C-alpha atoms as a PDB file:
ATOM      1  CA  UNK A   1      10.987  66.540  65.793  1.00  0.00           C
ATOM      2  CA  UNK A   2      12.319  63.536  67.756  1.00  0.00           C
ATOM      3  CA  UNK A   3      11.470  65.108  71.082  1.00  0.00           C
ATOM      4  CA  UNK A   4       7.916  65.885  69.938  1.00  0.00           C
ATOM      5  CA  UNK A   5       7.277  62.389  68.576  1.00  0.00           C
ATOM      6  CA  UNK A   6       8.703  60.803  71.720  1.00  0.00           C
ATOM      7  CA  UNK A   7       6.341  62.920  73.799  1.00  0.00           C
ATOM      8  CA  UNK A   8       3.466  61.801  71.585  1.00  0.00           C
ATOM      9  CA  UNK A   9       4.459  58.149  71.917  1.00  0.00           C
ATOM     10  CA  UNK A  10       4.744  58.460  75.687  1.00  0.00           C
ATOM     11  CA  UNK A  11       1.199  59.817  75.892  1.00  0.00           C
ATOM     12  CA  UNK A  12       0.018  57.267  73.347  1.00  0.00           C
ATOM     13  CA  UNK A  13       1.326  54.517  75.632  1.00  0.00           C
ATOM     14  CA  UNK A  14      -1.272  55.585  78.212  1.00  0.00           C
ATOM     15  CA  UNK A  15      -4.028  55.285  75.623  1.00  0.00           C
ATOM     16  CA  UNK A  16      -2.736  51.881  74.559  1.00  0.00           C
ATOM     17  CA  UNK A  17      -2.763  50.706  78.183  1.00  0.00           C
ATOM     18  CA  UNK A  18      -6.468  51.556  78.399  1.00  0.00           C
ATOM     19  CA  UNK A  19      -7.113  49.757  75.125  1.00  0.00           C
ATOM     20  CA  UNK A  20      -5.266  46.665  76.330  1.00  0.00           C
ATOM     21  CA  UNK A  21      -7.108  46.673  79.661  1.00  0.00           C
ATOM     22  CA  UNK A  22     -10.429  46.727  77.818  1.00  0.00           C
ATOM     23  CA  UNK A  23      -9.302  44.228  75.180  1.00  0.00           C
ATOM     24  CA  UNK A  24      -8.050  41.752  77.755  1.00  0.00           C
ATOM     25  CA  UNK A  25     -10.905  42.167  80.221  1.00  0.00           C
ATOM     26  CA  UNK A  26     -13.024  39.166  81.173  1.00  0.00           C
ATOM     27  CA  UNK A  27     -16.101  41.267  80.455  1.00  0.00           C
ATOM     28  CA  UNK A  28     -15.095  41.774  76.825  1.00  0.00           C
ATOM     29  CA  UNK A  29     -14.012  38.147  76.346  1.00  0.00           C
ATOM     30  CA  UNK A  30     -17.313  36.811  77.685  1.00  0.00           C
ATOM     31  CA  UNK A  31     -19.260  39.288  75.558  1.00  0.00           C
ATOM     32  CA  UNK A  32     -17.312  38.349  72.420  1.00  0.00           C
ATOM     33  CA  UNK A  33     -17.682  34.626  73.161  1.00  0.00           C
ATOM     34  CA  UNK A  34     -21.463  34.904  73.485  1.00  0.00           C
ATOM     35  CA  UNK A  35     -21.753  37.139  70.414  1.00  0.00           C
ATOM     36  CA  UNK A  36     -19.728  34.706  68.293  1.00  0.00           C
ATOM     37  CA  UNK A  37     -21.977  31.820  69.333  1.00  0.00           C
ATOM     38  CA  UNK A  38     -25.149  33.792  68.638  1.00  0.00           C
ATOM     39  CA  UNK A  39     -23.874  34.854  65.219  1.00  0.00           C
ATOM     40  CA  UNK A  40     -23.593  31.176  64.244  1.00  0.00           C
ATOM     41  CA  UNK A  41     -26.995  30.099  65.574  1.00  0.00           C
ATOM     42  CA  UNK A  42     -28.901  30.707  62.325  1.00  0.00           C
ATOM     43  CA  UNK A  43     -26.358  28.736  60.306  1.00  0.00           C
ATOM     44  CA  UNK A  44     -26.407  25.850  62.803  1.00  0.00           C
ATOM     45  CA  UNK A  45     -30.188  25.868  62.878  1.00  0.00           C
ATOM     46  CA  UNK A  46     -30.374  25.819  59.082  1.00  0.00           C
ATOM     47  CA  UNK A  47     -27.945  22.881  59.029  1.00  0.00           C
ATOM     48  CA  UNK A  48     -30.076  20.938  61.513  1.00  0.00           C
ATOM     49  CA  UNK A  49     -33.250  21.733  59.566  1.00  0.00           C
ATOM     50  CA  UNK A  50     -31.681  20.450  56.339  1.00  0.00           C
ATOM     51  CA  UNK A  51     -30.456  17.300  58.028  1.00  0.00           C
ATOM     52  CA  UNK A  52     -33.896  16.691  59.548  1.00  0.00           C
ATOM     53  CA  UNK A  53     -35.592  17.132  56.160  1.00  0.00           C
ATOM     54  CA  UNK A  54     -33.113  14.823  54.441  1.00  0.00           C
ATOM     55  CA  UNK A  55     -33.590  12.142  57.089  1.00  0.00           C
ATOM     56  CA  UNK A  56     -37.358  12.543  56.972  1.00  0.00           C
ATOM     57  CA  UNK A  57     -37.302  12.144  53.187  1.00  0.00           C
ATOM     58  CA  UNK A  58     -35.230   8.974  53.436  1.00  0.00           C
ATOM     59  CA  UNK A  59     -37.502   7.583  56.124  1.00  0.00           C
ATOM     60  CA  UNK A  60     -40.581   8.266  53.995  1.00  0.00           C
ATOM     61  CA  UNK A  61     -38.940   6.589  50.999  1.00  0.00           C
ATOM     62  CA  UNK A  62     -38.118   3.511  53.062  1.00  0.00           C
ATOM     63  CA  UNK A  63     -41.652   3.409  54.475  1.00  0.00           C
ATOM     64  CA  UNK A  64     -43.155   3.464  50.978  1.00  0.00           C
ATOM     65  CA  UNK A  65     -40.828   0.710  49.777  1.00  0.00           C
ATOM     66  CA  UNK A  66     -41.511  -1.325  52.926  1.00  0.00           C
ATOM     67  CA  UNK A  67     -45.248  -1.068  52.320  1.00  0.00           C
ATOM     68  CA  UNK A  68     -44.892  -2.081  48.662  1.00  0.00           C
ATOM     69  CA  UNK A  69     -42.790  -5.110  49.533  1.00  0.00           C
ATOM     70  CA  UNK A  70     -45.258  -6.062  52.274  1.00  0.00           C
ATOM     71  CA  UNK A  71     -48.127  -6.022  49.779  1.00  0.00           C
ATOM     72  CA  UNK A  72     -46.108  -8.132  47.332  1.00  0.00           C
ATOM     73  CA  UNK A  73     -45.308 -10.603  50.111  1.00  0.00           C
ATOM     74  CA  UNK A  74     -49.024 -10.954  50.913  1.00  0.00           C
ATOM     75  CA  UNK A  75     -49.731 -11.694  47.260  1.00  0.00           C
ATOM     76  CA  UNK A  76     -47.022 -14.362  47.177  1.00  0.00           C
ATOM     77  CA  UNK A  77     -48.325 -15.879  50.404  1.00  0.00           C
ATOM     78  CA  UNK A  78     -51.780 -16.114  48.835  1.00  0.00           C
ATOM     79  CA  UNK A  79     -50.357 -17.654  45.717  1.00  0.00           C
ATOM     80  CA  UNK A  80     -48.479 -20.268  47.747  1.00  0.00           C
ATOM     81  CA  UNK A  81     -51.676 -21.343  49.509  1.00  0.00           C
ATOM     82  CA  UNK A  82     -53.408 -22.062  46.200  1.00  0.00           C
ATOM     83  CA  UNK A  83     -50.373 -23.564  44.469  1.00  0.00           C
ATOM     84  CA  UNK A  84     -50.471 -27.315  43.830  1.00  0.00           C
ATOM     85  CA  UNK A  85     -47.343 -27.508  41.689  1.00  0.00           C
ATOM     86  CA  UNK A  86     -44.370 -28.402  43.898  1.00  0.00           C
ATOM     87  CA  UNK A  87     -41.790 -26.608  41.743  1.00  0.00           C
ATOM     88  CA  UNK A  88     -43.897 -23.475  41.512  1.00  0.00           C
ATOM     89  CA  UNK A  89     -44.492 -23.542  45.265  1.00  0.00           C
ATOM     90  CA  UNK A  90     -40.746 -23.905  45.879  1.00  0.00           C
ATOM     91  CA  UNK A  91     -40.058 -20.904  43.627  1.00  0.00           C
ATOM     92  CA  UNK A  92     -42.675 -18.801  45.462  1.00  0.00           C
ATOM     93  CA  UNK A  93     -41.198 -19.738  48.840  1.00  0.00           C
ATOM     94  CA  UNK A  94     -37.788 -18.643  47.586  1.00  0.00           C
ATOM     95  CA  UNK A  95     -39.197 -15.293  46.431  1.00  0.00           C
ATOM     96  CA  UNK A  96     -40.970 -14.882  49.767  1.00  0.00           C
ATOM     97  CA  UNK A  97     -37.672 -15.451  51.636  1.00  0.00           C
ATOM     98  CA  UNK A  98     -35.955 -12.849  49.451  1.00  0.00           C
ATOM     99  CA  UNK A  99     -38.702 -10.340  50.189  1.00  0.00           C
ATOM    100  CA  UNK A 100     -38.467 -11.044  53.922  1.00  0.00           C
ATOM    101  CA  UNK A 101     -34.743 -10.377  53.750  1.00  0.00           C
ATOM    102  CA  UNK A 102     -35.352  -7.070  52.017  1.00  0.00           C
ATOM    103  CA  UNK A 103     -38.077  -6.150  54.505  1.00  0.00           C
ATOM    104  CA  UNK A 104     -35.745  -6.875  57.433  1.00  0.00           C
ATOM    105  CA  UNK A 105     -32.999  -4.758  55.820  1.00  0.00           C
ATOM    106  CA  UNK A 106     -35.437  -1.899  55.331  1.00  0.00           C
ATOM    107  CA  UNK A 107     -36.558  -2.222  58.941  1.00  0.00           C
ATOM    108  CA  UNK A 108     -32.934  -1.953  60.098  1.00  0.00           C
ATOM    109  CA  UNK A 109     -32.440   1.142  57.937  1.00  0.00           C
ATOM    110  CA  UNK A 110     -35.610   2.662  59.345  1.00  0.00           C
ATOM    111  CA  UNK A 111     -34.412   2.017  62.911  1.00  0.00           C
ATOM    112  CA  UNK A 112     -31.047   3.642  62.149  1.00  0.00           C
ATOM    113  CA  UNK A 113     -32.783   6.646  60.597  1.00  0.00           C
ATOM    114  CA  UNK A 114     -35.046   6.951  63.634  1.00  0.00           C
ATOM    115  CA  UNK A 115     -31.974   7.123  65.857  1.00  0.00           C
ATOM    116  CA  UNK A 116     -30.403   9.714  63.547  1.00  0.00           C
ATOM    117  CA  UNK A 117     -33.575  11.810  63.688  1.00  0.00           C
ATOM    118  CA  UNK A 118     -33.631  11.565  67.470  1.00  0.00           C
ATOM    119  CA  UNK A 119     -29.985  12.710  67.500  1.00  0.00           C
ATOM    120  CA  UNK A 120     -30.946  15.742  65.390  1.00  0.00           C
ATOM    121  CA  UNK A 121     -33.759  16.486  67.812  1.00  0.00           C
ATOM    122  CA  UNK A 122     -31.355  16.303  70.745  1.00  0.00           C
ATOM    123  CA  UNK A 123     -28.943  18.607  68.914  1.00  0.00           C
ATOM    124  CA  UNK A 124     -31.756  21.065  68.299  1.00  0.00           C
ATOM    125  CA  UNK A 125     -32.765  21.007  71.965  1.00  0.00           C
ATOM    126  CA  UNK A 126     -29.130  21.509  72.983  1.00  0.00           C
ATOM    127  CA  UNK A 127     -28.765  24.397  70.538  1.00  0.00           C
ATOM    128  CA  UNK A 128     -31.907  25.989  71.909  1.00  0.00           C
ATOM    129  CA  UNK A 129     -30.638  25.701  75.494  1.00  0.00           C
ATOM    130  CA  UNK A 130     -27.161  26.984  74.583  1.00  0.00           C
ATOM    131  CA  UNK A 131     -28.681  29.895  72.663  1.00  0.00           C
ATOM    132  CA  UNK A 132     -30.722  30.911  75.677  1.00  0.00           C
ATOM    133  CA  UNK A 133     -27.608  30.698  77.871  1.00  0.00           C
ATOM    134  CA  UNK A 134     -25.552  32.713  75.364  1.00  0.00           C
ATOM    135  CA  UNK A 135     -28.228  35.409  75.192  1.00  0.00           C
ATOM    136  CA  UNK A 136     -28.159  35.711  78.978  1.00  0.00           C
ATOM    137  CA  UNK A 137     -24.342  35.764  79.007  1.00  0.00           C
ATOM    138  CA  UNK A 138     -24.203  38.430  76.299  1.00  0.00           C
ATOM    139  CA  UNK A 139     -26.705  40.637  78.106  1.00  0.00           C
ATOM    140  CA  UNK A 140     -24.886  40.308  81.431  1.00  0.00           C
ATOM    141  CA  UNK A 141     -21.326  40.833  80.257  1.00  0.00           C
ATOM    142  CA  UNK A 142     -22.155  43.457  77.624  1.00  0.00           C
ATOM    143  CA  UNK A 143     -23.583  45.585  80.436  1.00  0.00           C
ATOM    144  CA  UNK A 144     -20.475  44.959  82.549  1.00  0.00           C
ATOM    145  CA  UNK A 145     -18.151  45.763  79.642  1.00  0.00           C
ATOM    146  CA  UNK A 146     -20.030  48.972  78.849  1.00  0.00           C
ATOM    147  CA  UNK A 147     -19.727  49.961  82.494  1.00  0.00           C
ATOM    148  CA  UNK A 148     -15.988  49.223  82.467  1.00  0.00           C
ATOM    149  CA  UNK A 149     -15.521  51.121  79.200  1.00  0.00           C
ATOM    150  CA  UNK A 150     -17.551  54.104  80.372  1.00  0.00           C
ATOM    151  CA  UNK A 151     -15.481  54.222  83.554  1.00  0.00           C
ATOM    152  CA  UNK A 152     -12.373  54.883  81.454  1.00  0.00           C
ATOM    153  CA  UNK A 153     -14.042  57.275  79.029  1.00  0.00           C
ATOM    154  CA  UNK A 154     -13.030  60.528  80.728  1.00  0.00           C
ATOM    155  CA  UNK A 155      -9.420  59.374  80.990  1.00  0.00           C
ATOM    156  CA  UNK A 156      -9.417  58.257  77.370  1.00  0.00           C
ATOM    157  CA  UNK A 157     -10.841  61.566  76.136  1.00  0.00           C
ATOM    158  CA  UNK A 158      -8.257  63.529  78.134  1.00  0.00           C
ATOM    159  CA  UNK A 159      -5.424  61.496  76.613  1.00  0.00           C
ATOM    160  CA  UNK A 160      -6.846  61.842  73.097  1.00  0.00           C
ATOM    161  CA  UNK A 161      -7.136  65.604  73.567  1.00  0.00           C
ATOM    162  CA  UNK A 162      -3.501  65.800  74.636  1.00  0.00           C
ATOM    163  CA  UNK A 163      -2.467  63.606  71.694  1.00  0.00           C
ATOM    164  CA  UNK A 164      -4.314  65.922  69.307  1.00  0.00           C
ATOM    165  CA  UNK A 165      -2.405  68.852  70.753  1.00  0.00           C
ATOM    166  CA  UNK A 166       0.970  67.088  70.561  1.00  0.00           C
ATOM    167  CA  UNK A 167       0.269  65.964  67.000  1.00  0.00           C
ATOM    168  CA  UNK A 168       0.330  69.552  65.795  1.00  0.00           C
ATOM    169  CA  UNK A 169       4.042  69.777  66.518  1.00  0.00           C
ATOM    170  CA  UNK A 170       4.908  66.663  64.482  1.00  0.00           C
ATOM    171  CA  UNK A 171       5.476  66.600  60.718  1.00  0.00           C
ATOM    172  CA  UNK A 172       2.302  65.428  58.974  1.00  0.00           C
ATOM    173  CA  UNK A 173       3.924  62.725  56.845  1.00  0.00           C
ATOM    174  CA  UNK A 174       5.815  61.359  59.832  1.00  0.00           C
ATOM    175  CA  UNK A 175       2.648  61.374  61.912  1.00  0.00           C
ATOM    176  CA  UNK A 176       0.770  59.438  59.249  1.00  0.00           C
ATOM    177  CA  UNK A 177       3.556  56.857  59.161  1.00  0.00           C
ATOM    178  CA  UNK A 178       3.396  56.558  62.951  1.00  0.00           C
ATOM    179  CA  UNK A 179      -0.388  56.144  62.929  1.00  0.00           C
ATOM    180  CA  UNK A 180      -0.227  53.530  60.188  1.00  0.00           C
ATOM    181  CA  UNK A 181       2.150  51.415  62.255  1.00  0.00           C
ATOM    182  CA  UNK A 182       0.052  51.960  65.363  1.00  0.00           C
ATOM    183  CA  UNK A 183      -2.996  50.736  63.434  1.00  0.00           C
ATOM    184  CA  UNK A 184      -1.029  47.617  62.512  1.00  0.00           C
ATOM    185  CA  UNK A 185      -0.599  47.002  66.269  1.00  0.00           C
ATOM    186  CA  UNK A 186       3.093  47.929  66.383  1.00  0.00           C
ATOM    187  CA  UNK A 187       4.108  49.503  69.697  1.00  0.00           C
ATOM    188  CA  UNK A 188       6.385  51.090  70.672  1.00  0.00           C
ATOM    189  CA  UNK A 189       7.013  52.548  67.257  1.00  0.00           C
ATOM    190  CA  UNK A 190       9.919  54.923  67.829  1.00  0.00           C
ATOM    191  CA  UNK A 191      13.226  53.392  69.036  1.00  0.00           C
ATOM    192  CA  UNK A 192      16.625  54.865  69.799  1.00  0.00           C
ATOM    193  CA  UNK A 193      19.417  53.303  67.747  1.00  0.00           C
ATOM    194  CA  UNK A 194      22.170  51.385  69.520  1.00  0.00           C
ATOM    195  CA  UNK A 195      25.432  52.361  67.880  1.00  0.00           C
ATOM    196  CA  UNK A 196      24.854  51.434  64.258  1.00  0.00           C
ATOM    197  CA  UNK A 197      22.051  48.931  65.005  1.00  0.00           C
ATOM    198  CA  UNK A 198      18.279  49.209  65.144  1.00  0.00           C
ATOM    199  CA  UNK A 199      17.143  49.616  68.748  1.00  0.00           C
ATOM    200  CA  UNK A 200      14.344  47.095  68.240  1.00  0.00           C
ATOM    201  CA  UNK A 201      15.588  44.219  66.055  1.00  0.00           C
ATOM    202  CA  UNK A 202      19.359  44.959  66.304  1.00  0.00           C
ATOM    203  CA  UNK A 203      19.773  44.821  62.540  1.00  0.00           C
ATOM    204  CA  UNK A 204      22.871  46.709  61.372  1.00  0.00           C
ATOM    205  CA  UNK A 205      22.090  50.048  59.749  1.00  0.00           C
ATOM    206  CA  UNK A 206      23.744  51.241  56.554  1.00  0.00           C
ATOM    207  CA  UNK A 207      26.222  54.111  56.753  1.00  0.00           C
ATOM    208  CA  UNK A 208      23.896  56.241  54.656  1.00  0.00           C
ATOM    209  CA  UNK A 209      21.141  55.794  57.239  1.00  0.00           C
ATOM    210  CA  UNK A 210      23.576  56.349  60.106  1.00  0.00           C
ATOM    211  CA  UNK A 211      24.439  59.718  58.580  1.00  0.00           C
ATOM    212  CA  UNK A 212      20.744  60.568  58.242  1.00  0.00           C
ATOM    213  CA  UNK A 213      20.239  59.742  61.911  1.00  0.00           C
ATOM    214  CA  UNK A 214      23.215  61.898  62.867  1.00  0.00           C
ATOM    215  CA  UNK A 215      21.617  64.807  61.041  1.00  0.00           C
ATOM    216  CA  UNK A 216      18.495  64.449  63.175  1.00  0.00           C
ATOM    217  CA  UNK A 217      16.290  62.518  60.748  1.00  0.00           C
ATOM    218  CA  UNK A 218      13.867  59.817  61.843  1.00  0.00           C
ATOM    219  CA  UNK A 219      14.158  56.784  59.563  1.00  0.00           C
ATOM    220  CA  UNK A 220      12.422  53.460  59.131  1.00  0.00           C
ATOM    221  CA  UNK A 221      14.201  50.162  59.770  1.00  0.00           C
ATOM    222  CA  UNK A 222      14.408  48.071  56.615  1.00  0.00           C
ATOM    223  CA  UNK A 223      13.970  44.890  58.660  1.00  0.00           C
ATOM    224  CA  UNK A 224      11.356  45.409  61.409  1.00  0.00           C
ATOM    225  CA  UNK A 225       9.793  48.631  59.990  1.00  0.00           C
ATOM    226  CA  UNK A 226      10.010  50.514  63.271  1.00  0.00           C
ATOM    227  CA  UNK A 227      10.995  54.194  63.333  1.00  0.00           C
ATOM    228  CA  UNK A 228      14.494  55.019  64.579  1.00  0.00           C
ATOM    229  CA  UNK A 229      16.201  58.107  65.950  1.00  0.00           C
ATOM    230  CA  UNK A 230      19.589  58.987  67.350  1.00  0.00           C
ATOM    231  CA  UNK A 231      19.839  60.874  70.607  1.00  0.00           C
ATOM    232  CA  UNK A 232      21.742  64.142  70.380  1.00  0.00           C
END
């Protein structure tokens, strides 16, 4: 059984090399980068839309308040012109100064909001430009990645066919354990023991497991979870 699983792992290493070449290729990285950006465009756009609406609402509120205070200030100015009582006139001047202060504060807030809205607009324009660039990048590198992947397809299929043939000579339960570890990105999976230590992590093996190995069994390391065998 050890010989058969070793042969399977040796062939599987060829398949893994193809997978790693594709996974680490610039074509795939650029495709994934563009796809990730494009997947977040709707969320970013929604965020900008909400921010724009919130800012617009605040600006409208300030404009209304500014207009109301302006009307009140006109009324006070009219009242001052017709006021003959010195104390009353002094009071009205004081109220007018307070209103002017509030109007100036509102004007400053409106200016700040205008800048914030312009910043949102710039962000939107940048997002639009970056989206267009990402779409072009995705189209270009997806085509290149597909070409690279298709170029390895015949080799991959040949390896998979050989693996399917080799699999028939391996115990089903053992094969499932191997595949599970392979799926978890462990590789190599099968290691030769070194004396009474795991060939991968060098953890000492119990005597009970040493005896199992001597009898030809393939066991799992309690520490690193790899599969171990002992050479005849």
